[in-house]
């Protein structure tokens, strides 16, 4: 294996390690919220408004800065690219009006919707979720979706996954696409992420058991 290949593999794993840390931090926070409120889901726990999401982030994370401008300065850049070099148009400059955005002490910046922001209906079952955008190193480069920036969804049970992997998909196998693996890759391909339905980069990492194989 050549030195450039080794360096690329190291960088990929570094990105995934940092992403996994943020992922675990969010999962621990949602579990604590459910425990603290004796609730069975995040809606019952009161995460139903923009203000409640901002309070949640401040109560359960080490916040160093509010990001009231959404995916823009001072916490994010406003020109995220996909792996093909195109613009992630639906995210750049997004005000994130259904939730709140903050910068964390870890150096990551995160935007999180309330988990009743949108509804997914499959096989006659409707479930709600919200979108989440994470830049694992804030405004530092490369600011590419699928490398240091990732788009995902949060569900009412507090789990982060892609937008079609609902609780009933995860627990009962009732998935749009026939399997959880296929559901995670719905929307545009990872390399061409442009819209708020494009979760495939995060889906690829989950499907590969926390490896960046692209």
N, C-alpha and C. Protein backbone atom coordinates (compact mmCIF):
# COMPACT_ATOMS: atom_id res chain seq x y z
N UNK A 1 0.85 -1.20 0.00
CA UNK A 1 0.00 0.00 0.00
C UNK A 1 0.88 1.24 0.00
N UNK A 2 0.59 2.18 -0.87
CA UNK A 2 1.41 3.38 -1.00
C UNK A 2 1.17 4.35 0.15
N UNK A 3 2.11 5.25 0.34
CA UNK A 3 1.98 6.24 1.41
C UNK A 3 0.74 7.12 1.21
N UNK A 4 0.47 7.64 -0.02
CA UNK A 4 -0.77 8.43 -0.19
C UNK A 4 -2.03 7.65 0.16
N UNK A 5 -2.07 6.36 -0.19
CA UNK A 5 -3.24 5.54 0.15
C UNK A 5 -3.37 5.38 1.65
N UNK A 6 -2.26 5.16 2.32
CA UNK A 6 -2.28 5.05 3.78
C UNK A 6 -2.79 6.34 4.41
N UNK A 7 -2.35 7.47 3.89
CA UNK A 7 -2.78 8.76 4.42
C UNK A 7 -4.28 8.97 4.20
N UNK A 8 -4.76 8.59 3.03
CA UNK A 8 -6.19 8.73 2.73
C UNK A 8 -7.03 7.86 3.66
N UNK A 9 -6.57 6.63 3.87
CA UNK A 9 -7.29 5.73 4.77
C UNK A 9 -7.29 6.25 6.19
N UNK A 10 -6.16 6.80 6.61
CA UNK A 10 -6.08 7.37 7.95
C UNK A 10 -7.05 8.54 8.10
N UNK A 11 -7.11 9.40 7.09
CA UNK A 11 -7.99 10.56 7.16
C UNK A 11 -9.45 10.13 7.19
N UNK A 12 -9.80 9.14 6.38
CA UNK A 12 -11.17 8.62 6.39
C UNK A 12 -11.55 8.11 7.78
N UNK A 13 -10.65 7.34 8.38
CA UNK A 13 -10.96 6.79 9.70
C UNK A 13 -11.04 7.89 10.75
N UNK A 14 -10.22 8.93 10.59
CA UNK A 14 -10.28 10.06 11.51
C UNK A 14 -11.63 10.75 11.44
N UNK A 15 -12.14 10.95 10.23
CA UNK A 15 -13.47 11.55 10.06
C UNK A 15 -14.53 10.70 10.76
N UNK A 16 -14.48 9.39 10.54
CA UNK A 16 -15.49 8.50 11.10
C UNK A 16 -15.41 8.48 12.62
N UNK A 17 -14.21 8.48 13.15
CA UNK A 17 -14.05 8.48 14.60
C UNK A 17 -14.68 9.73 15.22
N UNK A 18 -14.44 10.87 14.60
CA UNK A 18 -15.04 12.11 15.11
C UNK A 18 -16.56 12.11 14.97
N UNK A 19 -17.04 11.58 13.84
CA UNK A 19 -18.49 11.48 13.64
C UNK A 19 -19.11 10.58 14.69
N UNK A 20 -18.46 9.45 14.96
CA UNK A 20 -19.00 8.50 15.93
C UNK A 20 -19.08 9.13 17.32
N UNK A 21 -18.13 9.98 17.66
CA UNK A 21 -18.16 10.66 18.95
C UNK A 21 -19.38 11.58 19.06
N UNK A 22 -19.65 12.34 18.00
CA UNK A 22 -20.83 13.22 18.01
C UNK A 22 -22.10 12.39 18.06
N UNK A 23 -22.15 11.33 17.26
CA UNK A 23 -23.30 10.43 17.25
C UNK A 23 -23.57 9.89 18.65
N UNK A 24 -22.54 9.40 19.32
CA UNK A 24 -22.72 8.86 20.67
C UNK A 24 -23.15 9.93 21.65
N UNK A 25 -22.63 11.14 21.48
CA UNK A 25 -23.01 12.24 22.36
C UNK A 25 -24.50 12.56 22.23
N UNK A 26 -25.00 12.55 20.99
CA UNK A 26 -26.43 12.80 20.77
C UNK A 26 -27.26 11.66 21.33
N UNK A 27 -26.86 10.41 21.09
CA UNK A 27 -27.63 9.28 21.59
C UNK A 27 -27.70 9.28 23.12
N UNK A 28 -26.59 9.60 23.76
CA UNK A 28 -26.59 9.67 25.22
C UNK A 28 -27.48 10.80 25.73
N UNK A 29 -27.49 11.92 25.01
CA UNK A 29 -28.32 13.06 25.42
C UNK A 29 -29.80 12.75 25.30
N UNK A 30 -30.21 12.11 24.20
CA UNK A 30 -31.63 11.80 24.03
C UNK A 30 -32.08 10.76 25.06
N UNK A 31 -31.21 9.79 25.36
CA UNK A 31 -31.55 8.79 26.38
C UNK A 31 -31.70 9.46 27.74
N UNK A 32 -30.80 10.37 28.06
CA UNK A 32 -30.91 11.09 29.34
C UNK A 32 -32.19 11.91 29.39
N UNK A 33 -32.56 12.54 28.27
CA UNK A 33 -33.79 13.33 28.23
C UNK A 33 -35.00 12.45 28.50
N UNK A 34 -35.04 11.28 27.88
CA UNK A 34 -36.16 10.36 28.11
C UNK A 34 -36.19 9.91 29.56
N UNK A 35 -35.03 9.61 30.11
CA UNK A 35 -34.95 9.16 31.50
C UNK A 35 -35.36 10.27 32.46
N UNK A 36 -34.87 11.47 32.22
CA UNK A 36 -35.15 12.59 33.12
C UNK A 36 -36.62 12.98 33.14
N UNK A 37 -37.33 12.73 32.04
CA UNK A 37 -38.73 13.12 31.94
C UNK A 37 -39.69 11.94 32.08
N UNK A 38 -39.14 10.74 32.29
CA UNK A 38 -39.96 9.52 32.39
C UNK A 38 -40.88 9.38 31.18
N UNK A 39 -40.36 9.73 30.01
CA UNK A 39 -41.16 9.71 28.79
C UNK A 39 -40.79 8.49 27.94
N UNK A 40 -41.73 8.07 27.09
CA UNK A 40 -41.45 6.92 26.22
C UNK A 40 -40.95 7.38 24.85
N UNK A 41 -41.08 8.66 24.55
CA UNK A 41 -40.51 9.19 23.31
C UNK A 41 -40.21 10.68 23.49
N UNK A 42 -39.52 11.24 22.53
CA UNK A 42 -39.08 12.63 22.66
C UNK A 42 -40.22 13.64 22.54
N UNK A 43 -41.31 13.24 21.92
CA UNK A 43 -42.48 14.13 21.87
C UNK A 43 -43.08 14.25 23.26
N UNK A 44 -43.27 13.12 23.93
CA UNK A 44 -43.76 13.16 25.31
C UNK A 44 -42.78 13.89 26.22
N UNK A 45 -41.49 13.85 25.86
CA UNK A 45 -40.47 14.53 26.66
C UNK A 45 -40.48 16.04 26.43
N UNK A 46 -41.30 16.51 25.49
CA UNK A 46 -41.49 17.94 25.30
C UNK A 46 -40.69 18.57 24.18
N UNK A 47 -40.02 17.77 23.37
CA UNK A 47 -39.23 18.33 22.26
C UNK A 47 -40.13 18.52 21.05
N UNK A 48 -40.95 19.55 21.11
CA UNK A 48 -41.97 19.77 20.08
C UNK A 48 -41.91 21.16 19.46
N UNK A 49 -41.01 22.01 19.92
CA UNK A 49 -40.91 23.38 19.40
C UNK A 49 -39.45 23.75 19.17
N UNK A 50 -39.26 24.82 18.45
CA UNK A 50 -37.91 25.34 18.22
C UNK A 50 -37.24 25.71 19.54
N UNK A 51 -37.97 26.38 20.41
CA UNK A 51 -37.41 26.79 21.70
C UNK A 51 -37.03 25.58 22.55
N UNK A 52 -37.85 24.54 22.51
CA UNK A 52 -37.54 23.35 23.31
C UNK A 52 -36.28 22.67 22.82
N UNK A 53 -36.02 22.73 21.51
CA UNK A 53 -34.80 22.13 20.98
C UNK A 53 -33.57 22.92 21.41
N UNK A 54 -33.69 24.23 21.44
CA UNK A 54 -32.56 25.06 21.88
C UNK A 54 -32.25 24.80 23.35
N UNK A 55 -33.30 24.69 24.16
CA UNK A 55 -33.12 24.39 25.58
C UNK A 55 -32.48 23.02 25.76
N UNK A 56 -32.95 22.05 25.00
CA UNK A 56 -32.40 20.69 25.07
C UNK A 56 -30.90 20.70 24.76
N UNK A 57 -30.51 21.37 23.70
CA UNK A 57 -29.10 21.40 23.33
C UNK A 57 -28.26 22.05 24.43
N UNK A 58 -28.77 23.10 25.05
CA UNK A 58 -28.02 23.77 26.12
C UNK A 58 -27.98 22.93 27.39
N UNK A 59 -29.04 22.20 27.66
CA UNK A 59 -29.10 21.41 28.89
C UNK A 59 -28.27 20.13 28.83
N UNK A 60 -28.11 19.57 27.63
CA UNK A 60 -27.51 18.23 27.53
C UNK A 60 -26.19 18.20 26.75
N UNK A 61 -25.73 19.32 26.28
CA UNK A 61 -24.46 19.38 25.55
C UNK A 61 -23.61 20.52 26.11
N UNK A 62 -22.32 20.45 25.87
CA UNK A 62 -21.43 21.55 26.25
C UNK A 62 -21.40 22.55 25.10
N UNK A 63 -22.32 23.49 25.15
CA UNK A 63 -22.48 24.48 24.08
C UNK A 63 -21.54 25.66 24.33
N UNK A 64 -20.81 26.05 23.29
CA UNK A 64 -19.94 27.22 23.41
C UNK A 64 -20.46 28.41 22.61
N UNK A 65 -21.40 28.15 21.69
CA UNK A 65 -21.95 29.26 20.90
C UNK A 65 -23.28 28.86 20.28
N UNK A 66 -24.24 29.78 20.33
CA UNK A 66 -25.48 29.60 19.58
C UNK A 66 -25.24 29.97 18.12
N UNK A 67 -25.97 29.30 17.25
CA UNK A 67 -25.81 29.51 15.81
C UNK A 67 -27.17 29.92 15.24
N UNK A 68 -27.61 31.11 15.59
CA UNK A 68 -28.96 31.54 15.22
C UNK A 68 -29.12 31.77 13.72
N UNK A 69 -28.03 31.83 12.99
CA UNK A 69 -28.11 31.99 11.54
C UNK A 69 -28.22 30.65 10.81
N UNK A 70 -28.26 29.55 11.57
CA UNK A 70 -28.35 28.24 10.93
C UNK A 70 -27.04 27.82 10.31
N UNK A 71 -27.12 27.22 9.13
CA UNK A 71 -25.92 26.71 8.45
C UNK A 71 -25.22 27.87 7.74
N UNK A 72 -24.56 28.67 8.54
CA UNK A 72 -23.85 29.86 8.07
C UNK A 72 -22.94 30.31 9.21
N UNK A 73 -22.17 31.38 8.98
CA UNK A 73 -21.33 31.93 10.04
C UNK A 73 -22.21 32.33 11.23
N UNK A 74 -21.72 32.19 12.47
CA UNK A 74 -20.33 31.92 12.82
C UNK A 74 -19.98 30.45 13.05
N UNK A 75 -20.94 29.55 12.93
CA UNK A 75 -20.70 28.15 13.31
C UNK A 75 -20.41 27.23 12.14
N UNK A 76 -20.93 27.57 10.99
CA UNK A 76 -20.76 26.76 9.79
C UNK A 76 -20.27 27.64 8.65
N UNK A 77 -19.82 27.01 7.58
CA UNK A 77 -19.66 27.74 6.32
C UNK A 77 -21.00 27.68 5.61
N UNK A 78 -21.14 28.38 4.51
CA UNK A 78 -22.41 28.36 3.78
C UNK A 78 -22.22 27.90 2.34
N UNK A 79 -21.14 27.11 2.14
CA UNK A 79 -20.89 26.61 0.79
C UNK A 79 -20.40 25.15 0.83
N UNK A 80 -21.18 24.31 1.51
CA UNK A 80 -20.85 22.89 1.56
C UNK A 80 -20.97 22.27 0.17
N UNK A 81 -20.03 21.38 -0.12
CA UNK A 81 -20.01 20.67 -1.40
C UNK A 81 -20.30 19.20 -1.17
N UNK A 82 -20.74 18.51 -2.24
CA UNK A 82 -20.81 17.06 -2.18
C UNK A 82 -19.51 16.49 -2.73
N UNK A 83 -19.40 15.18 -2.74
CA UNK A 83 -18.15 14.53 -3.15
C UNK A 83 -17.85 14.73 -4.63
N UNK A 84 -18.87 15.05 -5.41
CA UNK A 84 -18.66 15.32 -6.83
C UNK A 84 -18.29 16.78 -7.10
N UNK A 85 -18.24 17.59 -6.04
CA UNK A 85 -17.88 18.99 -6.20
C UNK A 85 -19.06 19.93 -6.38
N UNK A 86 -20.28 19.38 -6.41
CA UNK A 86 -21.46 20.21 -6.53
C UNK A 86 -21.89 20.80 -5.20
N UNK A 87 -22.80 21.74 -5.22
CA UNK A 87 -23.27 22.41 -4.01
C UNK A 87 -24.35 21.59 -3.32
N UNK A 88 -24.26 21.50 -1.99
CA UNK A 88 -25.34 20.89 -1.19
C UNK A 88 -26.38 21.98 -0.98
N UNK A 89 -27.13 22.24 -2.03
CA UNK A 89 -27.94 23.46 -2.14
C UNK A 89 -28.99 23.60 -1.06
N UNK A 90 -29.60 22.51 -0.62
CA UNK A 90 -30.69 22.60 0.35
C UNK A 90 -30.20 22.91 1.76
N UNK A 91 -28.91 22.71 2.01
CA UNK A 91 -28.36 22.94 3.33
C UNK A 91 -27.68 24.30 3.44
N UNK A 92 -26.97 24.69 2.41
CA UNK A 92 -26.19 25.93 2.48
C UNK A 92 -27.07 27.14 2.81
N UNK A 93 -26.77 27.79 3.93
CA UNK A 93 -27.53 28.95 4.35
C UNK A 93 -28.88 28.63 4.98
N UNK A 94 -29.18 27.35 5.18
CA UNK A 94 -30.47 26.95 5.75
C UNK A 94 -30.61 27.55 7.16
N UNK A 95 -31.72 28.23 7.43
CA UNK A 95 -31.93 28.90 8.71
C UNK A 95 -32.30 27.95 9.84
N UNK A 96 -32.65 26.73 9.51
CA UNK A 96 -32.99 25.69 10.48
C UNK A 96 -34.11 26.15 11.42
N UNK A 97 -35.22 26.55 10.82
CA UNK A 97 -36.32 27.14 11.58
C UNK A 97 -37.12 26.13 12.40
N UNK A 98 -36.92 24.84 12.16
CA UNK A 98 -37.67 23.83 12.92
C UNK A 98 -36.89 23.31 14.12
N UNK A 99 -35.77 23.93 14.41
CA UNK A 99 -34.96 23.47 15.53
C UNK A 99 -33.96 24.53 15.94
N UNK A 100 -32.77 24.07 16.28
CA UNK A 100 -31.73 24.99 16.75
C UNK A 100 -30.37 24.47 16.33
N UNK A 101 -29.40 25.38 16.27
CA UNK A 101 -28.02 25.05 15.90
C UNK A 101 -27.07 25.61 16.95
N UNK A 102 -26.02 24.84 17.27
CA UNK A 102 -25.03 25.27 18.25
C UNK A 102 -23.65 24.76 17.85
N UNK A 103 -22.63 25.38 18.41
CA UNK A 103 -21.28 24.85 18.35
C UNK A 103 -20.96 24.24 19.71
N UNK A 104 -20.27 23.10 19.68
CA UNK A 104 -19.98 22.36 20.90
C UNK A 104 -18.52 22.52 21.31
N UNK A 105 -18.25 22.22 22.57
CA UNK A 105 -16.89 22.33 23.08
C UNK A 105 -15.94 21.39 22.36
N UNK A 106 -16.45 20.33 21.78
CA UNK A 106 -15.63 19.37 21.03
C UNK A 106 -15.10 19.94 19.73
N UNK A 107 -15.67 21.07 19.28
CA UNK A 107 -15.31 21.65 18.00
C UNK A 107 -16.33 21.38 16.92
N UNK A 108 -17.27 20.49 17.18
CA UNK A 108 -18.33 20.18 16.21
C UNK A 108 -19.42 21.24 16.26
N UNK A 109 -20.11 21.41 15.15
CA UNK A 109 -21.31 22.23 15.09
C UNK A 109 -22.47 21.34 14.67
N UNK A 110 -23.64 21.59 15.24
CA UNK A 110 -24.78 20.71 14.99
C UNK A 110 -26.07 21.51 14.89
N UNK A 111 -26.91 21.14 13.95
CA UNK A 111 -28.28 21.65 13.85
C UNK A 111 -29.22 20.47 14.04
N UNK A 112 -30.25 20.66 14.83
CA UNK A 112 -31.18 19.57 15.12
C UNK A 112 -32.62 20.06 15.10
N UNK A 113 -33.43 19.45 14.25
CA UNK A 113 -34.87 19.73 14.22
C UNK A 113 -35.57 19.11 15.41
N UNK A 114 -36.74 19.64 15.73
CA UNK A 114 -37.64 18.92 16.63
C UNK A 114 -38.05 17.62 15.93
N UNK A 115 -38.21 16.53 16.68
CA UNK A 115 -38.46 15.23 16.04
C UNK A 115 -39.89 15.01 15.55
N UNK A 116 -40.67 16.08 15.47
CA UNK A 116 -41.99 15.99 14.83
C UNK A 116 -42.06 16.94 13.64
N UNK A 117 -40.92 17.24 13.04
CA UNK A 117 -40.86 18.21 11.95
C UNK A 117 -41.48 17.68 10.67
N UNK A 118 -41.25 16.42 10.34
CA UNK A 118 -41.84 15.85 9.13
C UNK A 118 -42.34 14.44 9.41
N UNK A 119 -43.19 13.97 8.53
CA UNK A 119 -43.82 12.65 8.69
C UNK A 119 -43.41 11.72 7.56
N UNK A 120 -43.06 10.50 7.91
CA UNK A 120 -42.75 9.45 6.94
C UNK A 120 -43.85 8.41 7.03
N UNK A 121 -44.49 8.12 5.92
CA UNK A 121 -45.54 7.11 5.90
C UNK A 121 -45.12 5.98 4.98
N UNK A 122 -45.11 4.77 5.51
CA UNK A 122 -44.79 3.59 4.70
C UNK A 122 -45.62 2.42 5.20
N UNK A 123 -46.21 1.71 4.25
CA UNK A 123 -47.03 0.54 4.58
C UNK A 123 -48.16 0.90 5.53
N UNK A 124 -48.68 2.12 5.37
CA UNK A 124 -49.82 2.56 6.17
C UNK A 124 -49.47 3.07 7.55
N UNK A 125 -48.18 3.11 7.89
CA UNK A 125 -47.77 3.56 9.22
C UNK A 125 -47.06 4.91 9.10
N UNK A 126 -47.57 5.91 9.81
CA UNK A 126 -46.98 7.25 9.79
C UNK A 126 -46.12 7.46 11.04
N UNK A 127 -44.91 7.95 10.84
CA UNK A 127 -44.00 8.24 11.95
C UNK A 127 -43.31 9.57 11.68
N UNK A 128 -42.97 10.27 12.74
CA UNK A 128 -42.37 11.59 12.58
C UNK A 128 -40.88 11.57 12.89
N UNK A 129 -40.20 12.59 12.37
CA UNK A 129 -38.76 12.71 12.58
C UNK A 129 -38.35 14.16 12.36
N UNK A 130 -37.09 14.44 12.58
CA UNK A 130 -36.50 15.74 12.27
C UNK A 130 -35.14 15.53 11.64
N UNK A 131 -34.65 16.53 10.94
CA UNK A 131 -33.34 16.42 10.31
C UNK A 131 -32.24 16.93 11.24
N UNK A 132 -31.05 16.40 11.02
CA UNK A 132 -29.87 16.78 11.80
C UNK A 132 -28.72 17.00 10.83
N UNK A 133 -27.99 18.08 11.02
CA UNK A 133 -26.79 18.33 10.21
C UNK A 133 -25.62 18.53 11.16
N UNK A 134 -24.55 17.80 10.91
CA UNK A 134 -23.37 17.84 11.77
C UNK A 134 -22.13 18.16 10.94
N UNK A 135 -21.36 19.12 11.39
CA UNK A 135 -20.01 19.32 10.86
C UNK A 135 -19.06 18.99 12.01
N UNK A 136 -18.31 17.92 11.86
CA UNK A 136 -17.53 17.39 12.98
C UNK A 136 -16.41 18.33 13.43
N UNK A 137 -16.00 19.27 12.58
CA UNK A 137 -14.95 20.21 12.96
C UNK A 137 -15.34 21.67 12.69
N UNK A 138 -16.64 21.93 12.74
CA UNK A 138 -17.11 23.30 12.59
C UNK A 138 -16.76 23.90 11.24
N UNK A 139 -16.21 25.08 11.23
CA UNK A 139 -15.93 25.80 9.98
C UNK A 139 -14.65 25.32 9.29
N UNK A 140 -13.86 24.49 9.95
CA UNK A 140 -12.64 23.99 9.33
C UNK A 140 -12.97 23.11 8.12
N UNK A 141 -12.05 23.07 7.17
CA UNK A 141 -12.26 22.26 5.97
C UNK A 141 -12.19 20.77 6.23
N UNK A 142 -12.58 19.98 5.23
CA UNK A 142 -12.83 20.39 3.84
C UNK A 142 -14.26 20.86 3.56
N UNK A 143 -15.17 20.73 4.53
CA UNK A 143 -16.57 21.15 4.36
C UNK A 143 -17.23 20.44 3.18
N UNK A 144 -17.08 19.12 3.20
CA UNK A 144 -17.65 18.26 2.17
C UNK A 144 -18.59 17.26 2.84
N UNK A 145 -19.81 17.19 2.32
CA UNK A 145 -20.78 16.23 2.86
C UNK A 145 -20.29 14.82 2.53
N UNK A 146 -20.17 14.01 3.57
CA UNK A 146 -19.62 12.67 3.41
C UNK A 146 -18.20 12.56 3.90
N UNK A 147 -17.55 13.69 4.19
CA UNK A 147 -16.21 13.69 4.77
C UNK A 147 -16.25 14.25 6.20
N UNK A 148 -16.39 15.57 6.32
CA UNK A 148 -16.46 16.15 7.66
C UNK A 148 -17.84 16.69 8.00
N UNK A 149 -18.78 16.58 7.08
CA UNK A 149 -20.16 17.05 7.30
C UNK A 149 -21.13 15.92 6.95
N UNK A 150 -22.17 15.78 7.75
CA UNK A 150 -23.09 14.66 7.57
C UNK A 150 -24.52 15.09 7.86
N UNK A 151 -25.41 14.51 7.09
CA UNK A 151 -26.84 14.81 7.17
C UNK A 151 -27.56 13.54 7.57
N UNK A 152 -28.44 13.64 8.55
CA UNK A 152 -29.11 12.46 9.10
C UNK A 152 -30.47 12.86 9.65
N UNK A 153 -31.13 11.94 10.32
CA UNK A 153 -32.45 12.23 10.90
C UNK A 153 -32.50 11.73 12.33
N UNK A 154 -33.32 12.40 13.14
CA UNK A 154 -33.56 11.95 14.51
C UNK A 154 -35.03 11.60 14.64
N UNK A 155 -35.29 10.46 15.25
CA UNK A 155 -36.65 9.95 15.39
C UNK A 155 -37.14 10.12 16.82
N UNK A 156 -38.43 9.89 17.01
CA UNK A 156 -39.03 10.14 18.32
C UNK A 156 -38.49 9.23 19.41
N UNK A 157 -37.89 8.09 19.03
CA UNK A 157 -37.28 7.22 20.05
C UNK A 157 -35.87 7.66 20.40
N UNK A 158 -35.41 8.76 19.79
CA UNK A 158 -34.10 9.31 20.11
C UNK A 158 -32.96 8.78 19.29
N UNK A 159 -33.25 7.92 18.32
CA UNK A 159 -32.20 7.29 17.52
C UNK A 159 -31.89 8.12 16.29
N UNK A 160 -30.61 8.24 15.99
CA UNK A 160 -30.15 8.87 14.75
C UNK A 160 -29.96 7.82 13.68
N UNK A 161 -30.51 8.07 12.51
CA UNK A 161 -30.33 7.17 11.37
C UNK A 161 -30.59 8.00 10.12
N UNK A 162 -30.85 7.35 9.01
CA UNK A 162 -31.23 8.10 7.81
C UNK A 162 -32.74 8.27 7.78
N UNK A 163 -33.23 9.13 6.90
CA UNK A 163 -34.61 9.57 6.95
C UNK A 163 -35.66 8.51 6.76
N UNK A 164 -35.34 7.40 6.09
CA UNK A 164 -36.32 6.35 5.87
C UNK A 164 -36.22 5.19 6.86
N UNK A 165 -35.21 5.22 7.72
CA UNK A 165 -35.03 4.12 8.67
C UNK A 165 -35.76 4.48 9.96
N UNK A 166 -37.07 4.33 9.90
CA UNK A 166 -37.96 4.67 11.01
C UNK A 166 -37.85 3.63 12.12
N UNK A 167 -38.39 3.92 13.30
CA UNK A 167 -38.38 2.91 14.36
C UNK A 167 -38.99 1.58 13.94
N UNK A 168 -40.08 1.61 13.16
CA UNK A 168 -40.69 0.35 12.74
C UNK A 168 -39.81 -0.38 11.73
N UNK A 169 -39.03 0.36 10.95
CA UNK A 169 -38.06 -0.27 10.05
C UNK A 169 -36.98 -0.96 10.87
N UNK A 170 -36.45 -0.27 11.87
CA UNK A 170 -35.37 -0.83 12.68
C UNK A 170 -35.81 -2.00 13.54
N UNK A 171 -37.02 -1.93 14.07
CA UNK A 171 -37.45 -2.94 15.04
C UNK A 171 -38.25 -4.08 14.44
N UNK A 172 -38.94 -3.80 13.31
CA UNK A 172 -39.80 -4.84 12.73
C UNK A 172 -39.45 -5.17 11.29
N UNK A 173 -38.49 -4.47 10.72
CA UNK A 173 -38.07 -4.77 9.35
C UNK A 173 -39.02 -4.28 8.28
N UNK A 174 -39.97 -3.40 8.65
CA UNK A 174 -40.91 -2.84 7.67
C UNK A 174 -40.26 -1.58 7.10
N UNK A 175 -39.48 -1.77 6.03
CA UNK A 175 -38.62 -0.70 5.52
C UNK A 175 -38.95 -0.34 4.08
N UNK A 176 -38.95 0.94 3.79
CA UNK A 176 -39.08 1.41 2.43
C UNK A 176 -37.81 1.02 1.66
N UNK A 177 -37.96 0.16 0.66
CA UNK A 177 -36.81 -0.37 -0.05
C UNK A 177 -36.58 -1.84 0.22
N UNK A 178 -37.34 -2.38 1.19
CA UNK A 178 -37.29 -3.81 1.45
C UNK A 178 -36.34 -4.23 2.54
N UNK A 179 -35.36 -3.40 2.86
CA UNK A 179 -34.41 -3.74 3.92
C UNK A 179 -33.86 -2.45 4.50
N UNK A 180 -33.31 -2.56 5.70
CA UNK A 180 -32.74 -1.38 6.35
C UNK A 180 -31.55 -0.86 5.55
N UNK A 181 -30.78 -1.78 4.95
CA UNK A 181 -29.62 -1.37 4.15
C UNK A 181 -30.05 -0.55 2.94
N UNK A 182 -31.10 -1.00 2.25
CA UNK A 182 -31.59 -0.26 1.08
C UNK A 182 -32.21 1.08 1.49
N UNK A 183 -32.95 1.07 2.60
CA UNK A 183 -33.59 2.30 3.06
C UNK A 183 -32.56 3.38 3.36
N UNK A 184 -31.40 2.98 3.85
CA UNK A 184 -30.36 3.95 4.19
C UNK A 184 -29.73 4.61 2.97
N UNK A 185 -29.93 4.02 1.81
CA UNK A 185 -29.31 4.55 0.59
C UNK A 185 -30.30 5.25 -0.32
N UNK A 186 -31.52 5.50 0.16
CA UNK A 186 -32.53 6.15 -0.67
C UNK A 186 -32.15 7.60 -0.93
N UNK A 187 -32.77 8.20 -1.94
CA UNK A 187 -32.42 9.55 -2.34
C UNK A 187 -31.26 9.54 -3.31
N UNK A 188 -30.69 10.71 -3.55
CA UNK A 188 -29.53 10.77 -4.43
C UNK A 188 -28.36 9.99 -3.84
N UNK A 189 -27.46 9.54 -4.71
CA UNK A 189 -26.27 8.85 -4.25
C UNK A 189 -25.45 9.76 -3.33
N UNK A 190 -24.71 9.16 -2.43
CA UNK A 190 -23.87 9.91 -1.49
C UNK A 190 -23.06 10.98 -2.21
N UNK A 191 -22.44 10.61 -3.31
CA UNK A 191 -21.54 11.52 -4.01
C UNK A 191 -22.26 12.73 -4.61
N UNK A 192 -23.59 12.63 -4.72
CA UNK A 192 -24.37 13.70 -5.36
C UNK A 192 -25.40 14.30 -4.41
N UNK A 193 -25.12 14.32 -3.12
CA UNK A 193 -26.04 14.88 -2.14
C UNK A 193 -26.31 16.35 -2.42
N UNK A 194 -27.60 16.68 -2.61
CA UNK A 194 -27.97 18.08 -2.89
C UNK A 194 -29.22 18.52 -2.16
N UNK A 195 -30.07 17.58 -1.71
CA UNK A 195 -31.37 17.93 -1.16
C UNK A 195 -31.53 17.44 0.27
N UNK A 196 -32.63 17.86 0.90
CA UNK A 196 -32.92 17.44 2.27
C UNK A 196 -33.47 16.02 2.34
N UNK A 197 -33.41 15.28 1.26
CA UNK A 197 -33.77 13.86 1.27
C UNK A 197 -32.56 12.97 1.04
N UNK A 198 -31.37 13.56 1.04
CA UNK A 198 -30.16 12.83 0.68
C UNK A 198 -29.32 12.50 1.92
N UNK A 199 -29.56 11.30 2.45
CA UNK A 199 -28.88 10.85 3.66
C UNK A 199 -27.85 9.76 3.38
N UNK A 200 -27.57 9.47 2.11
CA UNK A 200 -26.86 8.24 1.76
C UNK A 200 -25.43 8.16 2.30
N UNK A 201 -24.75 9.28 2.47
CA UNK A 201 -23.38 9.20 3.00
C UNK A 201 -23.38 8.63 4.42
N UNK A 202 -24.26 9.15 5.26
CA UNK A 202 -24.37 8.60 6.62
C UNK A 202 -24.85 7.16 6.55
N UNK A 203 -25.78 6.87 5.64
CA UNK A 203 -26.27 5.51 5.48
C UNK A 203 -25.18 4.54 5.09
N UNK A 204 -24.28 4.95 4.21
CA UNK A 204 -23.17 4.08 3.82
C UNK A 204 -22.27 3.75 5.00
N UNK A 205 -22.01 4.74 5.83
CA UNK A 205 -21.16 4.51 7.00
C UNK A 205 -21.83 3.55 7.98
N UNK A 206 -23.13 3.72 8.20
CA UNK A 206 -23.85 2.79 9.09
C UNK A 206 -23.86 1.39 8.51
N UNK A 207 -24.13 1.28 7.21
CA UNK A 207 -24.17 -0.04 6.57
C UNK A 207 -22.82 -0.75 6.63
N UNK A 208 -21.74 0.03 6.63
CA UNK A 208 -20.39 -0.54 6.67
C UNK A 208 -19.85 -0.66 8.09
N UNK A 209 -20.76 -0.57 9.08
CA UNK A 209 -20.37 -0.70 10.49
C UNK A 209 -19.28 0.30 10.86
N UNK A 210 -19.59 1.56 10.58
CA UNK A 210 -18.73 2.69 10.93
C UNK A 210 -17.38 2.63 10.22
N UNK A 211 -17.46 2.39 8.93
CA UNK A 211 -16.29 2.51 8.06
C UNK A 211 -16.64 3.43 6.90
N UNK A 212 -15.69 4.23 6.45
CA UNK A 212 -15.90 5.09 5.29
C UNK A 212 -15.26 4.40 4.09
N UNK A 213 -16.08 3.65 3.36
CA UNK A 213 -15.58 2.83 2.26
C UNK A 213 -15.82 3.50 0.91
N UNK A 214 -15.84 4.79 0.88
CA UNK A 214 -16.05 5.53 -0.36
C UNK A 214 -15.10 6.70 -0.44
